Amino acid sequence: MRTPHPRLTRATRRTSTYSGPSGECVQIAELADGVWAVRDSKNPTGPTLIVTPTQWTTFTTGIRNGKFV
């Protein structure tokens, strides 16, 4: 079993208020150095994607503009 990086074990994760009760959602955490940690809520011990602030802004802007529909 892998041991998570310490900065991920201390991360305060959030789940979107748009998520339903099924638990199929993404959780995010903004880390101290401004990067974002993203993981699948169904697999909390699974891999975590780390993205830069620019990547996060590009992604969330794309969602708001319907780019991923």
PDB file of N, CA and C in Angstrom:
ATOM      1  N   MET A   1       0.835  -1.176   0.000  1.00  0.00           N
ATOM      2  CA  MET A   1       0.000   0.000   0.000  1.00  0.00           C
ATOM      3  C   MET A   1       0.883   1.244   0.000  1.00  0.00           C
ATOM      4  N   ARG A   2       0.490   2.216  -0.823  1.00  0.00           N
ATOM      5  CA  ARG A   2       1.241   3.468  -0.892  1.00  0.00           C
ATOM      6  C   ARG A   2       0.907   4.372   0.276  1.00  0.00           C
ATOM      7  N   THR A   3       1.892   5.136   0.699  1.00  0.00           N
ATOM      8  CA  THR A   3       1.673   6.152   1.721  1.00  0.00           C
ATOM      9  C   THR A   3       1.515   7.485   1.009  1.00  0.00           C
ATOM     10  N   PRO A   4       0.412   8.201   1.259  1.00  0.00           N
ATOM     11  CA  PRO A   4       0.217   9.483   0.584  1.00  0.00           C
ATOM     12  C   PRO A   4       1.274  10.499   0.990  1.00  0.00           C
ATOM     13  N   HIS A   5       1.561  11.395   0.105  1.00  0.00           N
ATOM     14  CA  HIS A   5       2.486  12.483   0.394  1.00  0.00           C
ATOM     15  C   HIS A   5       1.914  13.287   1.563  1.00  0.00           C
ATOM     16  N   PRO A   6       2.758  13.719   2.515  1.00  0.00           N
ATOM     17  CA  PRO A   6       2.253  14.442   3.694  1.00  0.00           C
ATOM     18  C   PRO A   6       1.376  15.647   3.356  1.00  0.00           C
ATOM     19  N   ARG A   7       1.693  16.368   2.307  1.00  0.00           N
ATOM     20  CA  ARG A   7       0.879  17.548   1.991  1.00  0.00           C
ATOM     21  C   ARG A   7      -0.520  17.159   1.539  1.00  0.00           C
ATOM     22  N   LEU A   8      -0.691  15.917   1.080  1.00  0.00           N
ATOM     23  CA  LEU A   8      -2.025  15.456   0.696  1.00  0.00           C
ATOM     24  C   LEU A   8      -2.806  14.942   1.892  1.00  0.00           C
ATOM     25  N   THR A   9      -2.130  14.371   2.864  1.00  0.00           N
ATOM     26  CA  THR A   9      -2.842  13.863   4.040  1.00  0.00           C
ATOM     27  C   THR A   9      -3.390  15.006   4.885  1.00  0.00           C
ATOM     28  N   ARG A  10      -2.766  16.169   4.822  1.00  0.00           N
ATOM     29  CA  ARG A  10      -3.234  17.333   5.575  1.00  0.00           C
ATOM     30  C   ARG A  10      -4.193  18.208   4.778  1.00  0.00           C
ATOM     31  N   ALA A  11      -4.445  17.849   3.531  1.00  0.00           N
ATOM     32  CA  ALA A  11      -5.284  18.675   2.662  1.00  0.00           C
ATOM     33  C   ALA A  11      -6.739  18.654   3.123  1.00  0.00           C
ATOM     34  N   THR A  12      -7.369  19.810   3.063  1.00  0.00           N
ATOM     35  CA  THR A  12      -8.794  19.913   3.342  1.00  0.00           C
ATOM     36  C   THR A  12      -9.516  19.860   2.010  1.00  0.00           C
ATOM     37  N   ARG A  13     -10.211  18.771   1.778  1.00  0.00           N
ATOM     38  CA  ARG A  13     -10.869  18.542   0.484  1.00  0.00           C
ATOM     39  C   ARG A  13     -12.310  19.016   0.508  1.00  0.00           C
ATOM     40  N   ARG A  14     -12.758  19.458  -0.664  1.00  0.00           N
ATOM     41  CA  ARG A  14     -14.145  19.908  -0.831  1.00  0.00           C
ATOM     42  C   ARG A  14     -14.797  19.103  -1.944  1.00  0.00           C
ATOM     43  N   THR A  15     -16.081  18.931  -1.792  1.00  0.00           N
ATOM     44  CA  THR A  15     -16.889  18.279  -2.827  1.00  0.00           C
ATOM     45  C   THR A  15     -17.888  19.313  -3.332  1.00  0.00           C
ATOM     46  N   SER A  16     -18.124  19.318  -4.609  1.00  0.00           N
ATOM     47  CA  SER A  16     -19.040  20.279  -5.198  1.00  0.00           C
ATOM     48  C   SER A  16     -20.434  20.175  -4.587  1.00  0.00           C
ATOM     49  N   THR A  17     -21.073  21.316  -4.420  1.00  0.00           N
ATOM     50  CA  THR A  17     -22.455  21.323  -3.933  1.00  0.00           C
ATOM     51  C   THR A  17     -23.408  20.789  -5.001  1.00  0.00           C
ATOM     52  N   TYR A  18     -22.940  20.670  -6.240  1.00  0.00           N
ATOM     53  CA  TYR A  18     -23.747  20.107  -7.325  1.00  0.00           C
ATOM     54  C   TYR A  18     -23.745  18.582  -7.301  1.00  0.00           C
ATOM     55  N   SER A  19     -22.877  17.986  -6.502  1.00  0.00           N
ATOM     56  CA  SER A  19     -22.783  16.531  -6.433  1.00  0.00           C
ATOM     57  C   SER A  19     -24.027  15.960  -5.767  1.00  0.00           C
ATOM     58  N   GLY A  20     -24.476  14.841  -6.293  1.00  0.00           N
ATOM     59  CA  GLY A  20     -25.649  14.182  -5.734  1.00  0.00           C
ATOM     60  C   GLY A  20     -25.270  13.206  -4.639  1.00  0.00           C
ATOM     61  N   PRO A  21     -26.244  12.520  -4.084  1.00  0.00           N
ATOM     62  CA  PRO A  21     -25.999  11.584  -2.985  1.00  0.00           C
ATOM     63  C   PRO A  21     -25.324  10.278  -3.419  1.00  0.00           C
ATOM     64  N   SER A  22     -25.140  10.082  -4.718  1.00  0.00           N
ATOM     65  CA  SER A  22     -24.553   8.831  -5.214  1.00  0.00           C
ATOM     66  C   SER A  22     -23.076   8.705  -4.869  1.00  0.00           C
ATOM     67  N   GLY A  23     -22.420   9.808  -4.538  1.00  0.00           N
ATOM     68  CA  GLY A  23     -21.005   9.768  -4.185  1.00  0.00           C
ATOM     69  C   GLY A  23     -20.075   9.735  -5.378  1.00  0.00           C
ATOM     70  N   GLU A  24     -20.621   9.894  -6.569  1.00  0.00           N
ATOM     71  CA  GLU A  24     -19.796   9.885  -7.776  1.00  0.00           C
ATOM     72  C   GLU A  24     -19.406  11.318  -8.119  1.00  0.00           C
ATOM     73  N   CYS A  25     -18.326  11.765  -7.509  1.00  0.00           N
ATOM     74  CA  CYS A  25     -17.921  13.141  -7.734  1.00  0.00           C
ATOM     75  C   CYS A  25     -16.410  13.290  -7.578  1.00  0.00           C
ATOM     76  N   VAL A  26     -15.974  14.477  -7.821  1.00  0.00           N
ATOM     77  CA  VAL A  26     -14.568  14.822  -7.701  1.00  0.00           C
ATOM     78  C   VAL A  26     -14.402  15.670  -6.456  1.00  0.00           C
ATOM     79  N   GLN A  27     -13.311  15.448  -5.744  1.00  0.00           N
ATOM     80  CA  GLN A  27     -12.982  16.275  -4.593  1.00  0.00           C
ATOM     81  C   GLN A  27     -11.737  17.081  -4.918  1.00  0.00           C
ATOM     82  N   ILE A  28     -11.697  18.317  -4.425  1.00  0.00           N
ATOM     83  CA  ILE A  28     -10.551  19.183  -4.677  1.00  0.00           C
ATOM     84  C   ILE A  28     -10.002  19.725  -3.363  1.00  0.00           C
ATOM     85  N   ALA A  29      -8.729  20.087  -3.403  1.00  0.00           N
ATOM     86  CA  ALA A  29      -8.094  20.742  -2.256  1.00  0.00           C
ATOM     87  C   ALA A  29      -7.056  21.709  -2.798  1.00  0.00           C
ATOM     88  N   GLU A  30      -7.105  22.950  -2.322  1.00  0.00           N
ATOM     89  CA  GLU A  30      -6.056  23.899  -2.678  1.00  0.00           C
ATOM     90  C   GLU A  30      -4.941  23.727  -1.667  1.00  0.00           C
ATOM     91  N   LEU A  31      -3.746  23.431  -2.162  1.00  0.00           N
ATOM     92  CA  LEU A  31      -2.602  23.202  -1.288  1.00  0.00           C
ATOM     93  C   LEU A  31      -1.879  24.522  -1.010  1.00  0.00           C
ATOM     94  N   ALA A  32      -1.002  24.498  -0.030  1.00  0.00           N
ATOM     95  CA  ALA A  32      -0.344  25.709   0.452  1.00  0.00           C
ATOM     96  C   ALA A  32       0.394  26.481  -0.636  1.00  0.00           C
ATOM     97  N   ASP A  33       0.957  25.792  -1.605  1.00  0.00           N
ATOM     98  CA  ASP A  33       1.734  26.476  -2.636  1.00  0.00           C
ATOM     99  C   ASP A  33       0.884  26.892  -3.834  1.00  0.00           C
ATOM    100  N   GLY A  34      -0.452  26.858  -3.685  1.00  0.00           N
ATOM    101  CA  GLY A  34      -1.345  27.329  -4.738  1.00  0.00           C
ATOM    102  C   GLY A  34      -1.753  26.287  -5.760  1.00  0.00           C
ATOM    103  N   VAL A  35      -1.155  25.105  -5.705  1.00  0.00           N
ATOM    104  CA  VAL A  35      -1.555  24.057  -6.640  1.00  0.00           C
ATOM    105  C   VAL A  35      -2.824  23.386  -6.114  1.00  0.00           C
ATOM    106  N   TRP A  36      -3.516  22.688  -7.009  1.00  0.00           N
ATOM    107  CA  TRP A  36      -4.766  22.016  -6.670  1.00  0.00           C
ATOM    108  C   TRP A  36      -4.585  20.510  -6.728  1.00  0.00           C
ATOM    109  N   ALA A  37      -5.148  19.828  -5.742  1.00  0.00           N
ATOM    110  CA  ALA A  37      -5.165  18.364  -5.705  1.00  0.00           C
ATOM    111  C   ALA A  37      -6.589  17.923  -6.056  1.00  0.00           C
ATOM    112  N   VAL A  38      -6.715  17.010  -7.001  1.00  0.00           N
ATOM    113  CA  VAL A  38      -8.019  16.544  -7.472  1.00  0.00           C
ATOM    114  C   VAL A  38      -8.051  15.029  -7.363  1.00  0.00           C
ATOM    115  N   ARG A  39      -9.133  14.484  -6.788  1.00  0.00           N
ATOM    116  CA  ARG A  39      -9.249  13.030  -6.689  1.00  0.00           C
ATOM    117  C   ARG A  39     -10.705  12.596  -6.856  1.00  0.00           C
ATOM    118  N   ASP A  40     -10.873  11.324  -7.118  1.00  0.00           N
ATOM    119  CA  ASP A  40     -12.185  10.697  -7.247  1.00  0.00           C
ATOM    120  C   ASP A  40     -12.690  10.367  -5.845  1.00  0.00           C
ATOM    121  N   SER A  41     -13.861  10.854  -5.490  1.00  0.00           N
ATOM    122  CA  SER A  41     -14.374  10.629  -4.137  1.00  0.00           C
ATOM    123  C   SER A  41     -14.669   9.159  -3.849  1.00  0.00           C
ATOM    124  N   LYS A  42     -14.897   8.372  -4.891  1.00  0.00           N
ATOM    125  CA  LYS A  42     -15.159   6.947  -4.694  1.00  0.00           C
ATOM    126  C   LYS A  42     -13.887   6.168  -4.373  1.00  0.00           C
ATOM    127  N   ASN A  43     -12.743   6.777  -4.635  1.00  0.00           N
ATOM    128  CA  ASN A  43     -11.468   6.098  -4.433  1.00  0.00           C
ATOM    129  C   ASN A  43     -10.504   7.034  -3.699  1.00  0.00           C
ATOM    130  N   PRO A  44     -10.787   7.348  -2.432  1.00  0.00           N
ATOM    131  CA  PRO A  44      -9.979   8.345  -1.724  1.00  0.00           C
ATOM    132  C   PRO A  44      -8.523   7.947  -1.502  1.00  0.00           C
ATOM    133  N   THR A  45      -8.202   6.677  -1.588  1.00  0.00           N
ATOM    134  CA  THR A  45      -6.804   6.257  -1.452  1.00  0.00           C
ATOM    135  C   THR A  45      -6.133   6.068  -2.807  1.00  0.00           C
ATOM    136  N   GLY A  46      -6.877   6.345  -3.867  1.00  0.00           N
ATOM    137  CA  GLY A  46      -6.337   6.208  -5.218  1.00  0.00           C
ATOM    138  C   GLY A  46      -5.476   7.408  -5.595  1.00  0.00           C
ATOM    139  N   PRO A  47      -5.149   7.504  -6.863  1.00  0.00           N
ATOM    140  CA  PRO A  47      -4.258   8.573  -7.316  1.00  0.00           C
ATOM    141  C   PRO A  47      -4.895   9.954  -7.180  1.00  0.00           C
ATOM    142  N   THR A  48      -4.037  10.944  -7.014  1.00  0.00           N
ATOM    143  CA  THR A  48      -4.443  12.341  -6.944  1.00  0.00           C
ATOM    144  C   THR A  48      -3.749  13.090  -8.063  1.00  0.00           C
ATOM    145  N   LEU A  49      -4.509  13.871  -8.773  1.00  0.00           N
ATOM    146  CA  LEU A  49      -3.972  14.696  -9.849  1.00  0.00           C
ATOM    147  C   LEU A  49      -3.614  16.058  -9.261  1.00  0.00           C
ATOM    148  N   ILE A  50      -2.392  16.502  -9.500  1.00  0.00           N
ATOM    149  CA  ILE A  50      -1.941  17.807  -9.033  1.00  0.00           C
ATOM    150  C   ILE A  50      -1.855  18.739 -10.243  1.00  0.00           C
ATOM    151  N   VAL A  51      -2.533  19.897 -10.153  1.00  0.00           N
ATOM    152  CA  VAL A  51      -2.529  20.844 -11.267  1.00  0.00           C
ATOM    153  C   VAL A  51      -2.103  22.222 -10.778  1.00  0.00           C
ATOM    154  N   THR A  52      -1.503  22.976 -11.673  1.00  0.00           N
ATOM    155  CA  THR A  52      -1.054  24.330 -11.346  1.00  0.00           C
ATOM    156  C   THR A  52      -2.261  25.269 -11.290  1.00  0.00           C
ATOM    157  N   PRO A  53      -2.086  26.446 -10.698  1.00  0.00           N
ATOM    158  CA  PRO A  53      -3.185  27.414 -10.692  1.00  0.00           C
ATOM    159  C   PRO A  53      -3.678  27.761 -12.102  1.00  0.00           C
ATOM    160  N   THR A  54      -2.777  27.898 -13.050  1.00  0.00           N
ATOM    161  CA  THR A  54      -3.164  28.196 -14.430  1.00  0.00           C
ATOM    162  C   THR A  54      -3.981  27.063 -15.027  1.00  0.00           C
ATOM    163  N   GLN A  55      -3.548  25.835 -14.816  1.00  0.00           N
ATOM    164  CA  GLN A  55      -4.294  24.682 -15.323  1.00  0.00           C
ATOM    165  C   GLN A  55      -5.685  24.608 -14.693  1.00  0.00           C
ATOM    166  N   TRP A  56      -5.780  24.861 -13.390  1.00  0.00           N
ATOM    167  CA  TRP A  56      -7.067  24.825 -12.695  1.00  0.00           C
ATOM    168  C   TRP A  56      -8.015  25.896 -13.248  1.00  0.00           C
ATOM    169  N   THR A  57      -7.497  27.106 -13.431  1.00  0.00           N
ATOM    170  CA  THR A  57      -8.317  28.197 -13.964  1.00  0.00           C
ATOM    171  C   THR A  57      -8.788  27.879 -15.384  1.00  0.00           C
ATOM    172  N   THR A  58      -7.909  27.350 -16.204  1.00  0.00           N
ATOM    173  CA  THR A  58      -8.282  26.969 -17.569  1.00  0.00           C
ATOM    174  C   THR A  58      -9.376  25.912 -17.548  1.00  0.00           C
ATOM    175  N   PHE A  59      -9.240  24.921 -16.698  1.00  0.00           N
ATOM    176  CA  PHE A  59     -10.222  23.850 -16.581  1.00  0.00           C
ATOM    177  C   PHE A  59     -11.575  24.371 -16.108  1.00  0.00           C
ATOM    178  N   THR A  60     -11.586  25.135 -15.008  1.00  0.00           N
ATOM    179  CA  THR A  60     -12.860  25.619 -14.473  1.00  0.00           C
ATOM    180  C   THR A  60     -13.531  26.627 -15.408  1.00  0.00           C
ATOM    181  N   THR A  61     -12.743  27.429 -16.104  1.00  0.00           N
ATOM    182  CA  THR A  61     -13.313  28.342 -17.102  1.00  0.00           C
ATOM    183  C   THR A  61     -13.942  27.547 -18.237  1.00  0.00           C
ATOM    184  N   GLY A  62     -13.276  26.487 -18.667  1.00  0.00           N
ATOM    185  CA  GLY A  62     -13.828  25.624 -19.707  1.00  0.00           C
ATOM    186  C   GLY A  62     -15.150  24.994 -19.297  1.00  0.00           C
ATOM    187  N   ILE A  63     -15.249  24.590 -18.040  1.00  0.00           N
ATOM    188  CA  ILE A  63     -16.505  24.019 -17.544  1.00  0.00           C
ATOM    189  C   ILE A  63     -17.610  25.071 -17.600  1.00  0.00           C
ATOM    190  N   ARG A  64     -17.330  26.242 -17.080  1.00  0.00           N
ATOM    191  CA  ARG A  64     -18.342  27.321 -17.071  1.00  0.00           C
ATOM    192  C   ARG A  64     -18.795  27.691 -18.474  1.00  0.00           C
ATOM    193  N   ASN A  65     -17.904  27.579 -19.450  1.00  0.00           N
ATOM    194  CA  ASN A  65     -18.226  27.953 -20.834  1.00  0.00           C
ATOM    195  C   ASN A  65     -18.762  26.788 -21.654  1.00  0.00           C
ATOM    196  N   GLY A  66     -19.018  25.635 -21.022  1.00  0.00           N
ATOM    197  CA  GLY A  66     -19.607  24.499 -21.714  1.00  0.00           C
ATOM    198  C   GLY A  66     -18.658  23.746 -22.634  1.00  0.00           C
ATOM    199  N   LYS A  67     -17.373  23.903 -22.426  1.00  0.00           N
ATOM    200  CA  LYS A  67     -16.385  23.266 -23.302  1.00  0.00           C
ATOM    201  C   LYS A  67     -16.381  21.742 -23.182  1.00  0.00           C
ATOM    202  N   PHE A  68     -16.781  21.202 -22.054  1.00  0.00           N
ATOM    203  CA  PHE A  68     -16.678  19.757 -21.819  1.00  0.00           C
ATOM    204  C   PHE A  68     -18.026  19.051 -21.851  1.00  0.00           C
ATOM    205  N   VAL A  69     -19.008  19.665 -22.465  1.00  0.00           N
ATOM    206  CA  VAL A  69     -20.352  19.061 -22.520  1.00  0.00           C
ATOM    207  C   VAL A  69     -20.414  18.045 -23.634  1.00  0.00           C
TER     208      VAL A  69
END
